[in-house]
């Protein structure tokens, strides 16, 4: 395979942004013996099936001329969904104001699992606010998994 996920993100981000959407993630992998290139996009009003078709067509045109895409692959475009697993720092920033469930490698504030609202990204971590109003930073290195809480 050609480019890694971050290279594909860099290559396609401006095209997606130019169409009015936010590109959250690109995943290039193999599932069931088939190569799948998956783009996760968002828009303040949500993402419709029609949006996915238009984006898929444009991204397909863009990838046609790129090395590493001469072989057969499937291209998928989807919205992040209500319970999206968060990965890249940009995803935490994008979902500021949303509640997430964090499973931690190392406890923060005595907690290994916490539900909190994402306030923003800073200082190598994500600033969160719990229901009690407490705000603190969870270092990215401490996060095992984080998922939006529908």
N, C-alpha and C. Protein backbone atom coordinates (compact mmCIF):
# COMPACT_ATOMS: atom_id res chain seq x y z
N UNK A 1 0.84 -1.18 0.00
CA UNK A 1 0.00 0.00 0.00
C UNK A 1 0.88 1.23 0.00
N UNK A 2 0.36 2.32 -0.49
CA UNK A 2 1.11 3.54 -0.67
C UNK A 2 1.31 4.36 0.59
N UNK A 3 0.46 5.29 0.82
CA UNK A 3 0.63 6.29 1.87
C UNK A 3 0.04 5.81 3.20
N UNK A 4 0.57 6.37 4.30
CA UNK A 4 -0.02 6.04 5.59
C UNK A 4 -1.22 6.96 5.84
N UNK A 5 -1.95 6.71 6.92
CA UNK A 5 -3.18 7.43 7.21
C UNK A 5 -2.98 8.94 7.31
N UNK A 6 -1.90 9.38 7.96
CA UNK A 6 -1.67 10.82 8.11
C UNK A 6 -1.31 11.48 6.78
N UNK A 7 -0.59 10.76 5.92
CA UNK A 7 -0.30 11.30 4.59
C UNK A 7 -1.58 11.44 3.78
N UNK A 8 -2.47 10.45 3.89
CA UNK A 8 -3.75 10.53 3.18
C UNK A 8 -4.60 11.66 3.75
N UNK A 9 -4.55 11.84 5.06
CA UNK A 9 -5.28 12.94 5.68
C UNK A 9 -4.77 14.27 5.11
N UNK A 10 -3.46 14.46 5.10
CA UNK A 10 -2.87 15.70 4.60
C UNK A 10 -3.22 15.92 3.12
N UNK A 11 -3.22 14.85 2.34
CA UNK A 11 -3.51 14.94 0.91
C UNK A 11 -4.96 15.35 0.65
N UNK A 12 -5.90 14.88 1.46
CA UNK A 12 -7.32 15.04 1.16
C UNK A 12 -8.04 16.10 2.01
N UNK A 13 -7.42 16.56 3.08
CA UNK A 13 -8.09 17.48 4.01
C UNK A 13 -8.59 18.74 3.33
N UNK A 14 -7.76 19.37 2.50
CA UNK A 14 -8.18 20.63 1.89
C UNK A 14 -9.32 20.43 0.89
N UNK A 15 -9.35 19.30 0.20
CA UNK A 15 -10.46 19.01 -0.71
C UNK A 15 -11.76 18.88 0.07
N UNK A 16 -11.71 18.14 1.17
CA UNK A 16 -12.90 17.94 2.00
C UNK A 16 -13.34 19.27 2.61
N UNK A 17 -12.38 20.04 3.13
CA UNK A 17 -12.70 21.34 3.72
C UNK A 17 -13.27 22.29 2.66
N UNK A 18 -12.73 22.24 1.47
CA UNK A 18 -13.22 23.08 0.38
C UNK A 18 -14.66 22.77 0.00
N UNK A 19 -15.11 21.58 0.32
CA UNK A 19 -16.49 21.18 0.06
C UNK A 19 -17.39 21.49 1.26
N UNK A 20 -16.80 22.05 2.33
CA UNK A 20 -17.60 22.47 3.49
C UNK A 20 -17.66 21.47 4.63
N UNK A 21 -16.84 20.44 4.60
CA UNK A 21 -16.87 19.40 5.63
C UNK A 21 -15.57 19.40 6.42
N UNK A 22 -15.60 18.75 7.56
CA UNK A 22 -14.40 18.58 8.39
C UNK A 22 -13.95 17.13 8.28
N UNK A 23 -12.72 16.91 7.84
CA UNK A 23 -12.17 15.56 7.76
C UNK A 23 -11.59 15.20 9.12
N UNK A 24 -12.13 14.17 9.75
CA UNK A 24 -11.69 13.76 11.08
C UNK A 24 -10.63 12.68 11.03
N UNK A 25 -10.80 11.72 10.14
CA UNK A 25 -9.86 10.59 10.12
C UNK A 25 -9.85 9.93 8.75
N UNK A 26 -8.71 9.30 8.45
CA UNK A 26 -8.57 8.47 7.27
C UNK A 26 -7.98 7.15 7.75
N UNK A 27 -8.60 6.06 7.34
CA UNK A 27 -8.13 4.73 7.73
C UNK A 27 -7.94 3.91 6.47
N UNK A 28 -6.71 3.50 6.21
CA UNK A 28 -6.38 2.70 5.03
C UNK A 28 -5.94 1.34 5.55
N UNK A 29 -6.76 0.33 5.31
CA UNK A 29 -6.44 -0.99 5.85
C UNK A 29 -7.07 -2.10 5.04
N UNK A 30 -6.90 -3.31 5.52
CA UNK A 30 -7.44 -4.49 4.86
C UNK A 30 -8.45 -5.15 5.80
N UNK A 31 -9.63 -5.41 5.25
CA UNK A 31 -10.68 -6.11 5.99
C UNK A 31 -11.22 -7.22 5.11
N UNK A 32 -11.22 -8.43 5.62
CA UNK A 32 -11.73 -9.55 4.85
C UNK A 32 -11.01 -9.75 3.53
N UNK A 33 -9.71 -9.44 3.51
CA UNK A 33 -8.91 -9.61 2.31
C UNK A 33 -9.06 -8.49 1.29
N UNK A 34 -9.86 -7.48 1.60
CA UNK A 34 -10.07 -6.34 0.69
C UNK A 34 -9.46 -5.08 1.27
N UNK A 35 -8.85 -4.29 0.42
CA UNK A 35 -8.32 -3.00 0.85
C UNK A 35 -9.47 -2.00 0.92
N UNK A 36 -9.59 -1.34 2.06
CA UNK A 36 -10.64 -0.33 2.26
C UNK A 36 -9.98 0.96 2.71
N UNK A 37 -10.30 2.04 2.02
CA UNK A 37 -9.84 3.37 2.41
C UNK A 37 -11.09 4.09 2.92
N UNK A 38 -11.10 4.38 4.22
CA UNK A 38 -12.27 4.95 4.88
C UNK A 38 -11.99 6.39 5.33
N UNK A 39 -12.90 7.28 4.97
CA UNK A 39 -12.82 8.69 5.36
C UNK A 39 -13.97 8.98 6.31
N UNK A 40 -13.65 9.59 7.45
CA UNK A 40 -14.67 9.98 8.42
C UNK A 40 -14.78 11.49 8.38
N UNK A 41 -15.96 11.99 8.02
CA UNK A 41 -16.18 13.43 7.86
C UNK A 41 -17.34 13.88 8.74
N UNK A 42 -17.35 15.17 9.04
CA UNK A 42 -18.44 15.73 9.84
C UNK A 42 -18.83 17.08 9.28
N UNK A 43 -20.01 17.52 9.66
CA UNK A 43 -20.55 18.82 9.26
C UNK A 43 -21.48 19.24 10.39
N UNK A 44 -21.56 20.55 10.69
CA UNK A 44 -22.42 20.99 11.80
C UNK A 44 -23.88 20.53 11.67
N UNK A 45 -24.39 20.39 10.47
CA UNK A 45 -25.78 19.93 10.29
C UNK A 45 -25.89 18.41 10.21
N UNK A 46 -24.75 17.72 10.30
CA UNK A 46 -24.74 16.28 10.14
C UNK A 46 -24.31 15.92 8.73
N UNK A 47 -24.17 14.64 8.47
CA UNK A 47 -23.72 14.14 7.16
C UNK A 47 -24.77 13.17 6.64
N UNK A 48 -25.26 13.45 5.44
CA UNK A 48 -26.28 12.60 4.84
C UNK A 48 -25.65 11.57 3.90
N UNK A 49 -26.45 10.62 3.47
CA UNK A 49 -25.99 9.62 2.50
C UNK A 49 -25.60 10.31 1.19
N UNK A 50 -26.36 11.33 0.79
CA UNK A 50 -26.03 12.09 -0.41
C UNK A 50 -24.68 12.78 -0.28
N UNK A 51 -24.39 13.34 0.91
CA UNK A 51 -23.09 13.95 1.17
C UNK A 51 -21.98 12.93 0.97
N UNK A 52 -22.20 11.74 1.51
CA UNK A 52 -21.18 10.68 1.41
C UNK A 52 -20.92 10.30 -0.04
N UNK A 53 -21.98 10.24 -0.85
CA UNK A 53 -21.82 9.90 -2.28
C UNK A 53 -20.99 10.97 -3.00
N UNK A 54 -21.31 12.25 -2.76
CA UNK A 54 -20.60 13.34 -3.42
C UNK A 54 -19.13 13.34 -2.99
N UNK A 55 -18.88 13.21 -1.70
CA UNK A 55 -17.51 13.19 -1.19
C UNK A 55 -16.75 11.99 -1.72
N UNK A 56 -17.41 10.84 -1.79
CA UNK A 56 -16.77 9.62 -2.29
C UNK A 56 -16.32 9.81 -3.73
N UNK A 57 -17.17 10.40 -4.54
CA UNK A 57 -16.83 10.64 -5.95
C UNK A 57 -15.61 11.56 -6.06
N UNK A 58 -15.63 12.69 -5.32
CA UNK A 58 -14.54 13.65 -5.39
C UNK A 58 -13.23 13.06 -4.86
N UNK A 59 -13.32 12.32 -3.76
CA UNK A 59 -12.11 11.70 -3.20
C UNK A 59 -11.57 10.62 -4.13
N UNK A 60 -12.47 9.90 -4.78
CA UNK A 60 -12.05 8.90 -5.76
C UNK A 60 -11.27 9.53 -6.91
N UNK A 61 -11.76 10.68 -7.41
CA UNK A 61 -11.05 11.40 -8.47
C UNK A 61 -9.67 11.82 -7.98
N UNK A 62 -9.60 12.31 -6.78
CA UNK A 62 -8.33 12.78 -6.21
C UNK A 62 -7.33 11.63 -6.08
N UNK A 63 -7.79 10.47 -5.62
CA UNK A 63 -6.89 9.34 -5.39
C UNK A 63 -6.45 8.66 -6.69
N UNK A 64 -7.24 8.82 -7.75
CA UNK A 64 -6.90 8.18 -9.04
C UNK A 64 -5.48 8.49 -9.49
N UNK A 65 -5.04 9.70 -9.27
CA UNK A 65 -3.72 10.10 -9.74
C UNK A 65 -2.59 9.85 -8.76
N UNK A 66 -2.89 9.26 -7.64
CA UNK A 66 -1.88 9.05 -6.60
C UNK A 66 -1.23 7.68 -6.70
N UNK A 67 0.08 7.64 -6.44
CA UNK A 67 0.75 6.34 -6.41
C UNK A 67 0.23 5.55 -5.21
N UNK A 68 0.20 4.25 -5.36
CA UNK A 68 -0.31 3.39 -4.31
C UNK A 68 -1.79 3.08 -4.47
N UNK A 69 -2.43 3.70 -5.46
CA UNK A 69 -3.85 3.46 -5.68
C UNK A 69 -4.12 2.87 -7.06
N UNK A 70 -3.09 2.22 -7.62
CA UNK A 70 -3.26 1.57 -8.92
C UNK A 70 -4.04 0.26 -8.76
N UNK A 71 -3.87 -0.39 -7.62
CA UNK A 71 -4.57 -1.65 -7.36
C UNK A 71 -6.00 -1.36 -6.93
N UNK A 72 -6.82 -2.36 -6.94
CA UNK A 72 -8.23 -2.23 -6.58
C UNK A 72 -8.40 -1.96 -5.09
N UNK A 73 -9.31 -1.08 -4.76
CA UNK A 73 -9.63 -0.78 -3.36
C UNK A 73 -11.07 -0.28 -3.29
N UNK A 74 -11.65 -0.34 -2.10
CA UNK A 74 -12.98 0.22 -1.85
C UNK A 74 -12.81 1.51 -1.08
N UNK A 75 -13.56 2.52 -1.46
CA UNK A 75 -13.51 3.80 -0.80
C UNK A 75 -14.83 3.99 -0.04
N UNK A 76 -14.74 4.30 1.24
CA UNK A 76 -15.93 4.53 2.05
C UNK A 76 -15.84 5.91 2.69
N UNK A 77 -16.97 6.61 2.72
CA UNK A 77 -17.08 7.88 3.41
C UNK A 77 -18.22 7.74 4.40
N UNK A 78 -17.96 8.13 5.66
CA UNK A 78 -19.01 8.02 6.68
C UNK A 78 -18.94 9.18 7.66
N UNK A 79 -20.00 9.33 8.42
CA UNK A 79 -20.03 10.32 9.50
C UNK A 79 -19.42 9.67 10.74
N UNK A 80 -19.06 10.47 11.75
CA UNK A 80 -18.42 9.90 12.93
C UNK A 80 -19.33 9.03 13.78
N UNK A 81 -20.63 9.19 13.69
CA UNK A 81 -21.55 8.41 14.51
C UNK A 81 -21.64 8.95 15.93
N UNK A 82 -22.66 8.53 16.63
CA UNK A 82 -22.91 9.05 17.98
C UNK A 82 -21.93 8.54 19.01
N UNK A 83 -21.37 7.36 18.77
CA UNK A 83 -20.47 6.76 19.77
C UNK A 83 -19.07 6.54 19.19
N UNK A 84 -18.60 7.51 18.44
CA UNK A 84 -17.30 7.43 17.77
C UNK A 84 -16.18 7.21 18.77
N UNK A 85 -15.29 6.28 18.45
CA UNK A 85 -14.06 6.13 19.24
C UNK A 85 -13.11 7.24 18.79
N UNK A 86 -12.54 7.94 19.74
CA UNK A 86 -11.67 9.07 19.45
C UNK A 86 -10.23 8.61 19.36
N UNK A 87 -9.50 9.15 18.39
CA UNK A 87 -8.12 8.76 18.21
C UNK A 87 -7.19 9.95 18.17
N UNK A 88 -7.16 10.63 17.04
CA UNK A 88 -6.23 11.74 16.85
C UNK A 88 -6.62 12.94 17.70
N UNK A 89 -5.63 13.72 18.05
CA UNK A 89 -5.84 14.93 18.85
C UNK A 89 -6.90 15.83 18.21
N UNK A 90 -6.91 15.92 16.88
CA UNK A 90 -7.88 16.78 16.18
C UNK A 90 -9.32 16.34 16.44
N UNK A 91 -9.53 15.04 16.71
CA UNK A 91 -10.89 14.58 16.98
C UNK A 91 -11.37 15.09 18.34
N UNK A 92 -10.49 15.09 19.33
CA UNK A 92 -10.86 15.62 20.65
C UNK A 92 -11.23 17.10 20.52
N UNK A 93 -10.43 17.85 19.76
CA UNK A 93 -10.70 19.28 19.58
C UNK A 93 -12.03 19.48 18.86
N UNK A 94 -12.29 18.68 17.84
CA UNK A 94 -13.52 18.81 17.07
C UNK A 94 -14.76 18.57 17.93
N UNK A 95 -14.65 17.64 18.85
CA UNK A 95 -15.81 17.26 19.66
C UNK A 95 -15.87 17.98 21.01
N UNK A 96 -15.23 19.13 21.11
CA UNK A 96 -15.35 19.95 22.33
C UNK A 96 -16.82 20.21 22.59
N UNK A 97 -17.20 20.08 23.86
CA UNK A 97 -18.60 20.27 24.23
C UNK A 97 -19.39 18.98 24.29
N UNK A 98 -18.83 17.88 23.79
CA UNK A 98 -19.51 16.59 23.81
C UNK A 98 -19.01 15.74 24.97
N UNK A 99 -19.88 14.91 25.50
CA UNK A 99 -19.48 14.02 26.59
C UNK A 99 -18.82 12.76 26.02
N UNK A 100 -17.81 12.27 26.72
CA UNK A 100 -17.10 11.07 26.29
C UNK A 100 -16.82 10.18 27.49
N UNK A 101 -16.62 8.91 27.21
CA UNK A 101 -16.23 7.93 28.23
C UNK A 101 -14.76 7.62 27.99
N UNK A 102 -13.96 7.81 29.02
CA UNK A 102 -12.52 7.59 28.94
C UNK A 102 -12.14 6.36 29.77
N UNK A 103 -11.40 5.44 29.16
CA UNK A 103 -10.80 4.32 29.88
C UNK A 103 -9.31 4.64 29.93
N UNK A 104 -8.78 4.70 31.15
CA UNK A 104 -7.42 5.21 31.32
C UNK A 104 -6.41 4.10 31.63
N UNK A 105 -5.22 4.25 31.09
CA UNK A 105 -4.11 3.33 31.39
C UNK A 105 -3.62 3.55 32.80
N UNK A 106 -3.63 4.81 33.21
CA UNK A 106 -3.20 5.17 34.55
C UNK A 106 -4.25 6.10 35.12
N UNK A 107 -4.64 5.90 36.36
CA UNK A 107 -5.71 6.72 36.95
C UNK A 107 -5.37 8.21 36.95
N UNK A 108 -6.39 9.01 36.75
CA UNK A 108 -6.28 10.46 36.83
C UNK A 108 -7.33 10.89 37.86
N UNK A 109 -6.86 11.57 38.89
CA UNK A 109 -7.78 11.96 39.96
C UNK A 109 -8.41 10.77 40.64
N UNK A 110 -7.67 9.65 40.69
CA UNK A 110 -8.17 8.45 41.35
C UNK A 110 -9.16 7.65 40.52
N UNK A 111 -9.36 8.02 39.26
CA UNK A 111 -10.34 7.34 38.42
C UNK A 111 -9.67 6.64 37.23
N UNK A 112 -10.11 5.42 36.96
CA UNK A 112 -9.60 4.68 35.81
C UNK A 112 -10.58 4.74 34.64
N UNK A 113 -11.84 5.00 34.95
CA UNK A 113 -12.88 5.18 33.94
C UNK A 113 -13.62 6.45 34.31
N UNK A 114 -13.80 7.33 33.35
CA UNK A 114 -14.54 8.54 33.69
C UNK A 114 -15.40 9.00 32.53
N UNK A 115 -16.52 9.61 32.87
CA UNK A 115 -17.39 10.27 31.91
C UNK A 115 -17.21 11.76 32.12
N UNK A 116 -16.91 12.48 31.05
CA UNK A 116 -16.67 13.91 31.18
C UNK A 116 -16.93 14.59 29.85
N UNK A 117 -17.19 15.88 29.91
CA UNK A 117 -17.36 16.70 28.72
C UNK A 117 -15.98 17.16 28.26
N UNK A 118 -15.73 17.05 26.98
CA UNK A 118 -14.47 17.52 26.42
C UNK A 118 -14.54 19.05 26.35
N UNK A 119 -13.60 19.71 27.00
CA UNK A 119 -13.55 21.17 27.00
C UNK A 119 -12.63 21.66 25.88
N UNK A 120 -11.52 20.97 25.68
CA UNK A 120 -10.58 21.34 24.63
C UNK A 120 -9.30 20.56 24.74
N UNK A 121 -8.35 20.87 23.89
CA UNK A 121 -7.06 20.19 23.86
C UNK A 121 -5.99 21.19 24.25
N UNK A 122 -5.12 20.78 25.17
CA UNK A 122 -4.01 21.64 25.60
C UNK A 122 -2.95 20.84 26.33
N UNK A 123 -1.75 21.32 26.31
CA UNK A 123 -0.64 20.77 27.10
C UNK A 123 -0.50 19.25 27.02
N UNK A 124 -0.57 18.67 25.83
CA UNK A 124 -0.37 17.23 25.68
C UNK A 124 -1.50 16.38 26.23
N UNK A 125 -2.68 16.98 26.36
CA UNK A 125 -3.81 16.23 26.87
C UNK A 125 -5.12 16.88 26.49
N UNK A 126 -6.18 16.32 27.03
CA UNK A 126 -7.51 16.84 26.77
C UNK A 126 -8.08 17.39 28.08
N UNK A 127 -8.55 18.63 28.04
CA UNK A 127 -9.18 19.24 29.21
C UNK A 127 -10.63 18.76 29.24
N UNK A 128 -11.05 18.24 30.39
CA UNK A 128 -12.40 17.71 30.55
C UNK A 128 -13.08 18.36 31.76
N UNK A 129 -14.41 18.29 31.75
CA UNK A 129 -15.20 18.78 32.87
C UNK A 129 -16.20 17.69 33.26
N UNK A 130 -16.16 17.30 34.52
CA UNK A 130 -17.10 16.31 35.00
C UNK A 130 -18.40 16.97 35.43
N UNK A 131 -19.42 16.19 35.65
CA UNK A 131 -20.74 16.71 36.00
C UNK A 131 -20.71 17.56 37.26
N UNK A 132 -19.80 17.25 38.16
CA UNK A 132 -19.70 18.01 39.40
C UNK A 132 -19.07 19.38 39.16
N UNK A 133 -18.62 19.62 37.93
CA UNK A 133 -18.01 20.90 37.59
C UNK A 133 -16.50 20.91 37.65
N UNK A 134 -15.89 19.81 38.13
CA UNK A 134 -14.43 19.75 38.21
C UNK A 134 -13.84 19.69 36.81
N UNK A 135 -12.83 20.53 36.55
CA UNK A 135 -12.10 20.51 35.28
C UNK A 135 -10.67 20.10 35.53
N UNK A 136 -10.13 19.27 34.64
CA UNK A 136 -8.74 18.87 34.73
C UNK A 136 -8.28 18.36 33.38
N UNK A 137 -6.97 18.16 33.25
CA UNK A 137 -6.40 17.66 32.00
C UNK A 137 -6.09 16.18 32.14
N UNK A 138 -6.52 15.41 31.15
CA UNK A 138 -6.18 14.00 31.07
C UNK A 138 -5.09 13.89 30.00
N UNK A 139 -3.87 13.49 30.39
CA UNK A 139 -2.79 13.38 29.40
C UNK A 139 -3.13 12.33 28.33
N UNK A 140 -2.79 12.62 27.09
CA UNK A 140 -3.07 11.67 26.01
C UNK A 140 -2.43 10.31 26.30
N UNK A 141 -1.24 10.31 26.90
CA UNK A 141 -0.55 9.05 27.19
C UNK A 141 -1.31 8.20 28.20
N UNK A 142 -2.19 8.81 28.98
CA UNK A 142 -2.96 8.09 30.00
C UNK A 142 -4.22 7.46 29.43
N UNK A 143 -4.62 7.85 28.22
CA UNK A 143 -5.88 7.38 27.63
C UNK A 143 -5.66 6.07 26.89
N UNK A 144 -6.36 5.04 27.34
CA UNK A 144 -6.34 3.76 26.65
C UNK A 144 -7.37 3.79 25.52
N UNK A 145 -8.59 4.21 25.85
CA UNK A 145 -9.67 4.35 24.86
C UNK A 145 -10.56 5.52 25.27
N UNK A 146 -11.11 6.19 24.31
CA UNK A 146 -12.11 7.23 24.56
C UNK A 146 -13.16 7.13 23.48
N UNK A 147 -14.40 7.24 23.89
CA UNK A 147 -15.51 7.10 22.95
C UNK A 147 -16.57 8.15 23.30
N UNK A 148 -17.13 8.77 22.26
CA UNK A 148 -18.22 9.71 22.51
C UNK A 148 -19.36 8.97 23.20
N UNK A 149 -19.99 9.64 24.13
CA UNK A 149 -21.10 9.05 24.88
C UNK A 149 -22.41 9.50 24.21
N UNK A 150 -22.79 8.76 23.14
CA UNK A 150 -23.99 8.98 22.35
C UNK A 150 -24.74 10.17 22.69
